[in-house]
Amino acid sequence: MLKTFVAAAALLVSAAAGYAAEPIEGNWKTQSGATAEIGKCGSAYCVTLKTGKHAGKQIGKMSGSGDEYSGEITDPDNDKTYSGSGSVAGNTLKMKGCVLKVLCKSQTWTRL
């Protein structure tokens, strides 16, 4: 009986480890030096600036999993919203915003 309980508890712990946060979640240092927090909001991930002159402003919303995400990203300086994408590789997040999928700008953010 005790062996069965211990085995069941071990299975639950290993199953819970499988439900870790997505790689995009966390705090990131932007190219401008501000800190952006990316966290779950509904079925997507919201990008909110935590420091800098636009602190508290949500600047993006993306969906996806693993290392590829897509959605919208807003330039906080001019409030223009672009189709965006994010690609995670270890502690690096490459963010890309495009107008008509032709004119694009990219930034590389670093995990804090």
N, C-alpha and C. Protein backbone atom coordinates (compact mmCIF):
# COMPACT_ATOMS: atom_id res chain seq x y z
N MET A 1 0.83 -1.19 0.00
CA MET A 1 0.00 0.00 0.00
C MET A 1 0.88 1.26 0.00
N LEU A 2 1.87 1.31 0.86
CA LEU A 2 2.76 2.47 0.93
C LEU A 2 3.54 2.62 -0.36
N LYS A 3 3.96 1.49 -0.95
CA LYS A 3 4.70 1.54 -2.22
C LYS A 3 3.82 2.11 -3.32
N THR A 4 2.55 1.75 -3.34
CA THR A 4 1.62 2.25 -4.34
C THR A 4 1.44 3.76 -4.18
N PHE A 5 1.31 4.23 -2.93
CA PHE A 5 1.15 5.65 -2.66
C PHE A 5 2.39 6.43 -3.11
N VAL A 6 3.57 5.93 -2.79
CA VAL A 6 4.81 6.59 -3.17
C VAL A 6 4.94 6.64 -4.70
N ALA A 7 4.60 5.56 -5.37
CA ALA A 7 4.67 5.52 -6.83
C ALA A 7 3.68 6.52 -7.44
N ALA A 8 2.47 6.59 -6.89
CA ALA A 8 1.46 7.52 -7.41
C ALA A 8 1.91 8.97 -7.18
N ALA A 9 2.49 9.25 -6.01
CA ALA A 9 2.97 10.60 -5.73
C ALA A 9 4.10 10.98 -6.68
N ALA A 10 4.99 10.06 -6.97
CA ALA A 10 6.08 10.33 -7.91
C ALA A 10 5.55 10.63 -9.29
N LEU A 11 4.52 9.92 -9.72
CA LEU A 11 3.92 10.16 -11.04
C LEU A 11 3.28 11.55 -11.09
N LEU A 12 2.60 11.94 -10.02
CA LEU A 12 1.98 13.27 -9.98
C LEU A 12 3.02 14.37 -10.05
N VAL A 13 4.12 14.22 -9.33
CA VAL A 13 5.17 15.23 -9.35
C VAL A 13 5.77 15.34 -10.74
N SER A 14 6.05 14.21 -11.40
CA SER A 14 6.64 14.27 -12.74
C SER A 14 5.63 14.82 -13.75
N ALA A 15 4.35 14.55 -13.58
CA ALA A 15 3.34 15.09 -14.49
C ALA A 15 3.23 16.60 -14.31
N ALA A 16 3.31 17.07 -13.07
CA ALA A 16 3.23 18.51 -12.82
C ALA A 16 4.41 19.24 -13.44
N ALA A 17 5.58 18.62 -13.46
CA ALA A 17 6.76 19.23 -14.07
C ALA A 17 6.56 19.43 -15.56
N GLY A 18 5.74 18.63 -16.19
CA GLY A 18 5.46 18.74 -17.61
C GLY A 18 4.61 19.94 -17.97
N TYR A 19 3.99 20.55 -16.97
CA TYR A 19 3.13 21.70 -17.20
C TYR A 19 3.85 23.01 -16.89
N ALA A 20 5.12 23.08 -17.19
CA ALA A 20 5.92 24.28 -16.93
C ALA A 20 5.46 25.41 -17.85
N ALA A 21 5.82 26.61 -17.47
CA ALA A 21 5.46 27.78 -18.27
C ALA A 21 6.08 27.71 -19.66
N GLU A 22 5.45 28.39 -20.60
CA GLU A 22 6.00 28.46 -21.96
C GLU A 22 7.31 29.24 -21.95
N PRO A 23 8.21 28.95 -22.88
CA PRO A 23 9.51 29.63 -22.92
C PRO A 23 9.42 31.16 -23.05
N ILE A 24 8.34 31.67 -23.62
CA ILE A 24 8.22 33.12 -23.82
C ILE A 24 7.86 33.85 -22.52
N GLU A 25 7.32 33.14 -21.55
CA GLU A 25 6.89 33.78 -20.31
C GLU A 25 8.09 34.21 -19.47
N GLY A 26 7.97 35.39 -18.87
CA GLY A 26 9.01 35.88 -17.99
C GLY A 26 9.31 37.34 -18.21
N ASN A 27 10.41 37.80 -17.65
CA ASN A 27 10.84 39.19 -17.78
C ASN A 27 11.99 39.26 -18.77
N TRP A 28 11.92 40.26 -19.67
CA TRP A 28 12.89 40.41 -20.75
C TRP A 28 13.41 41.84 -20.78
N LYS A 29 14.70 41.99 -21.03
CA LYS A 29 15.29 43.32 -21.23
C LYS A 29 15.16 43.64 -22.70
N THR A 30 14.46 44.75 -23.01
CA THR A 30 14.25 45.14 -24.39
C THR A 30 15.50 45.79 -24.96
N GLN A 31 15.50 46.01 -26.25
CA GLN A 31 16.65 46.65 -26.89
C GLN A 31 16.87 48.07 -26.37
N SER A 32 15.80 48.73 -25.93
CA SER A 32 15.93 50.10 -25.39
C SER A 32 16.37 50.10 -23.93
N GLY A 33 16.44 48.94 -23.30
CA GLY A 33 16.87 48.85 -21.91
C GLY A 33 15.74 48.72 -20.91
N ALA A 34 14.49 48.85 -21.37
CA ALA A 34 13.33 48.70 -20.48
C ALA A 34 13.12 47.21 -20.19
N THR A 35 12.34 46.94 -19.14
CA THR A 35 11.97 45.56 -18.82
C THR A 35 10.54 45.33 -19.28
N ALA A 36 10.34 44.24 -20.03
CA ALA A 36 9.01 43.84 -20.47
C ALA A 36 8.68 42.51 -19.82
N GLU A 37 7.45 42.39 -19.34
CA GLU A 37 6.98 41.13 -18.77
C GLU A 37 6.04 40.47 -19.76
N ILE A 38 6.25 39.20 -20.03
CA ILE A 38 5.36 38.44 -20.90
C ILE A 38 4.71 37.36 -20.05
N GLY A 39 3.39 37.40 -19.99
CA GLY A 39 2.66 36.45 -19.17
C GLY A 39 1.35 36.06 -19.82
N LYS A 40 0.79 34.98 -19.33
CA LYS A 40 -0.47 34.43 -19.84
C LYS A 40 -1.59 35.43 -19.61
N CYS A 41 -2.40 35.65 -20.64
CA CYS A 41 -3.62 36.47 -20.51
C CYS A 41 -4.67 35.84 -21.40
N GLY A 42 -5.58 35.12 -20.79
CA GLY A 42 -6.56 34.35 -21.56
C GLY A 42 -5.85 33.22 -22.28
N SER A 43 -6.09 33.09 -23.57
CA SER A 43 -5.45 32.03 -24.35
C SER A 43 -4.18 32.52 -25.05
N ALA A 44 -3.76 33.74 -24.74
CA ALA A 44 -2.58 34.32 -25.39
C ALA A 44 -1.55 34.73 -24.34
N TYR A 45 -0.52 35.43 -24.79
CA TYR A 45 0.53 35.96 -23.92
C TYR A 45 0.61 37.46 -24.14
N CYS A 46 0.46 38.23 -23.06
CA CYS A 46 0.51 39.69 -23.16
C CYS A 46 1.91 40.19 -22.84
N VAL A 47 2.32 41.22 -23.58
CA VAL A 47 3.62 41.86 -23.38
C VAL A 47 3.35 43.22 -22.75
N THR A 48 3.84 43.42 -21.52
CA THR A 48 3.61 44.66 -20.79
C THR A 48 4.94 45.23 -20.34
N LEU A 49 5.14 46.52 -20.60
CA LEU A 49 6.37 47.17 -20.15
C LEU A 49 6.30 47.40 -18.64
N LYS A 50 7.36 47.06 -17.93
CA LYS A 50 7.41 47.21 -16.48
C LYS A 50 8.27 48.40 -16.05
N THR A 51 9.21 48.82 -16.91
CA THR A 51 10.07 49.96 -16.58
C THR A 51 10.13 50.88 -17.79
N GLY A 52 10.75 52.03 -17.61
CA GLY A 52 10.90 52.99 -18.70
C GLY A 52 9.76 53.98 -18.74
N LYS A 53 9.78 54.87 -19.73
CA LYS A 53 8.77 55.94 -19.79
C LYS A 53 7.38 55.43 -20.13
N HIS A 54 7.26 54.19 -20.61
CA HIS A 54 5.95 53.62 -20.94
C HIS A 54 5.57 52.50 -19.97
N ALA A 55 6.13 52.51 -18.76
CA ALA A 55 5.86 51.47 -17.77
C ALA A 55 4.36 51.30 -17.55
N GLY A 56 3.90 50.05 -17.52
CA GLY A 56 2.49 49.73 -17.32
C GLY A 56 1.71 49.58 -18.60
N LYS A 57 2.30 49.92 -19.72
CA LYS A 57 1.60 49.86 -21.01
C LYS A 57 1.74 48.47 -21.64
N GLN A 58 0.60 47.91 -22.06
CA GLN A 58 0.62 46.64 -22.78
C GLN A 58 1.00 46.95 -24.23
N ILE A 59 2.04 46.29 -24.72
CA ILE A 59 2.52 46.59 -26.08
C ILE A 59 2.42 45.39 -27.02
N GLY A 60 1.79 44.32 -26.58
CA GLY A 60 1.67 43.19 -27.49
C GLY A 60 0.81 42.09 -26.93
N LYS A 61 0.37 41.23 -27.85
CA LYS A 61 -0.40 40.05 -27.50
C LYS A 61 -0.08 38.99 -28.55
N MET A 62 0.40 37.84 -28.07
CA MET A 62 0.84 36.79 -28.99
C MET A 62 0.29 35.44 -28.58
N SER A 63 0.16 34.57 -29.55
CA SER A 63 -0.25 33.19 -29.32
C SER A 63 0.82 32.28 -29.90
N GLY A 64 0.88 31.07 -29.40
CA GLY A 64 1.84 30.09 -29.90
C GLY A 64 2.32 29.22 -28.77
N SER A 65 3.33 28.44 -29.05
CA SER A 65 3.92 27.58 -28.04
C SER A 65 5.31 27.16 -28.48
N GLY A 66 6.06 26.65 -27.52
CA GLY A 66 7.42 26.22 -27.85
C GLY A 66 8.31 27.42 -28.08
N ASP A 67 8.84 27.55 -29.29
CA ASP A 67 9.74 28.67 -29.56
C ASP A 67 9.23 29.66 -30.59
N GLU A 68 7.99 29.48 -31.09
CA GLU A 68 7.44 30.38 -32.11
C GLU A 68 6.08 30.94 -31.67
N TYR A 69 5.96 32.27 -31.75
CA TYR A 69 4.74 32.96 -31.35
C TYR A 69 4.40 34.02 -32.39
N SER A 70 3.12 34.36 -32.52
CA SER A 70 2.73 35.41 -33.46
C SER A 70 1.53 36.16 -32.91
N GLY A 71 1.35 37.38 -33.38
CA GLY A 71 0.24 38.21 -32.92
C GLY A 71 0.44 39.64 -33.33
N GLU A 72 0.29 40.56 -32.37
CA GLU A 72 0.44 41.98 -32.64
C GLU A 72 1.41 42.59 -31.64
N ILE A 73 2.14 43.59 -32.12
CA ILE A 73 3.08 44.33 -31.27
C ILE A 73 2.88 45.82 -31.55
N THR A 74 2.89 46.63 -30.50
CA THR A 74 2.67 48.07 -30.63
C THR A 74 3.94 48.82 -30.28
N ASP A 75 4.29 49.79 -31.11
CA ASP A 75 5.42 50.67 -30.81
C ASP A 75 4.90 51.68 -29.78
N PRO A 76 5.43 51.65 -28.55
CA PRO A 76 4.88 52.53 -27.52
C PRO A 76 5.14 54.02 -27.78
N ASP A 77 6.10 54.34 -28.62
CA ASP A 77 6.39 55.75 -28.89
C ASP A 77 5.37 56.41 -29.80
N ASN A 78 4.80 55.64 -30.76
CA ASN A 78 3.83 56.25 -31.68
C ASN A 78 2.46 55.57 -31.65
N ASP A 79 2.29 54.57 -30.79
CA ASP A 79 1.03 53.82 -30.63
C ASP A 79 0.57 53.13 -31.91
N LYS A 80 1.47 52.84 -32.82
CA LYS A 80 1.11 52.09 -34.03
C LYS A 80 1.28 50.61 -33.76
N THR A 81 0.29 49.83 -34.22
CA THR A 81 0.30 48.39 -34.00
C THR A 81 0.63 47.67 -35.29
N TYR A 82 1.50 46.66 -35.17
CA TYR A 82 1.99 45.91 -36.32
C TYR A 82 1.75 44.41 -36.10
N SER A 83 1.70 43.67 -37.21
CA SER A 83 1.68 42.22 -37.04
C SER A 83 3.06 41.84 -36.53
N GLY A 84 3.10 40.96 -35.56
CA GLY A 84 4.37 40.66 -34.92
C GLY A 84 4.60 39.18 -34.75
N SER A 85 5.84 38.87 -34.43
CA SER A 85 6.20 37.49 -34.12
C SER A 85 7.34 37.51 -33.12
N GLY A 86 7.46 36.41 -32.42
CA GLY A 86 8.54 36.24 -31.46
C GLY A 86 9.11 34.85 -31.59
N SER A 87 10.42 34.75 -31.51
CA SER A 87 11.10 33.47 -31.62
C SER A 87 12.07 33.35 -30.44
N VAL A 88 11.87 32.31 -29.62
CA VAL A 88 12.68 32.11 -28.42
C VAL A 88 13.79 31.10 -28.71
N ALA A 89 15.02 31.47 -28.30
CA ALA A 89 16.16 30.56 -28.39
C ALA A 89 16.95 30.72 -27.10
N GLY A 90 16.74 29.82 -26.16
CA GLY A 90 17.42 29.92 -24.86
C GLY A 90 16.99 31.16 -24.12
N ASN A 91 17.92 32.06 -23.82
CA ASN A 91 17.62 33.29 -23.10
C ASN A 91 17.51 34.49 -24.01
N THR A 92 17.25 34.24 -25.29
CA THR A 92 17.12 35.30 -26.28
C THR A 92 15.74 35.23 -26.93
N LEU A 93 15.12 36.39 -27.10
CA LEU A 93 13.82 36.49 -27.77
C LEU A 93 13.96 37.48 -28.91
N LYS A 94 13.76 37.00 -30.12
CA LYS A 94 13.82 37.89 -31.29
C LYS A 94 12.39 38.31 -31.61
N MET A 95 12.13 39.62 -31.45
CA MET A 95 10.81 40.17 -31.73
C MET A 95 10.85 40.85 -33.09
N LYS A 96 9.78 40.69 -33.85
CA LYS A 96 9.71 41.26 -35.19
C LYS A 96 8.33 41.85 -35.41
N GLY A 97 8.29 43.09 -35.92
CA GLY A 97 7.04 43.75 -36.25
C GLY A 97 7.05 44.15 -37.71
N CYS A 98 5.95 43.91 -38.41
CA CYS A 98 5.90 44.17 -39.86
C CYS A 98 4.65 44.93 -40.27
N VAL A 99 4.80 45.76 -41.30
CA VAL A 99 3.69 46.42 -41.97
C VAL A 99 3.54 45.71 -43.30
N LEU A 100 2.36 45.15 -43.54
CA LEU A 100 2.07 44.42 -44.79
C LEU A 100 3.07 43.30 -45.06
N LYS A 101 3.68 42.75 -44.02
CA LYS A 101 4.64 41.64 -44.12
C LYS A 101 5.83 41.95 -45.02
N VAL A 102 6.04 43.23 -45.32
CA VAL A 102 7.13 43.62 -46.21
C VAL A 102 8.14 44.49 -45.46
N LEU A 103 7.65 45.53 -44.82
CA LEU A 103 8.51 46.44 -44.06
C LEU A 103 8.57 45.95 -42.62
N CYS A 104 9.70 45.38 -42.23
CA CYS A 104 9.82 44.78 -40.90
C CYS A 104 10.99 45.36 -40.13
N LYS A 105 10.83 45.39 -38.82
CA LYS A 105 11.91 45.76 -37.91
C LYS A 105 12.02 44.66 -36.87
N SER A 106 13.24 44.37 -36.47
CA SER A 106 13.47 43.33 -35.47
C SER A 106 14.24 43.89 -34.28
N GLN A 107 14.01 43.29 -33.15
CA GLN A 107 14.75 43.58 -31.92
C GLN A 107 15.08 42.27 -31.24
N THR A 108 16.21 42.24 -30.56
CA THR A 108 16.57 41.06 -29.78
C THR A 108 16.51 41.43 -28.31
N TRP A 109 15.71 40.67 -27.55
CA TRP A 109 15.56 40.89 -26.12
C TRP A 109 16.29 39.77 -25.37
N THR A 110 16.70 40.05 -24.13
CA THR A 110 17.42 39.09 -23.32
C THR A 110 16.63 38.79 -22.04
N ARG A 111 16.56 37.50 -21.69
CA ARG A 111 15.83 37.10 -20.48
C ARG A 111 16.54 37.63 -19.25
N LEU A 112 15.76 38.16 -18.31
CA LEU A 112 16.31 38.64 -17.03
C LEU A 112 16.19 37.55 -15.98
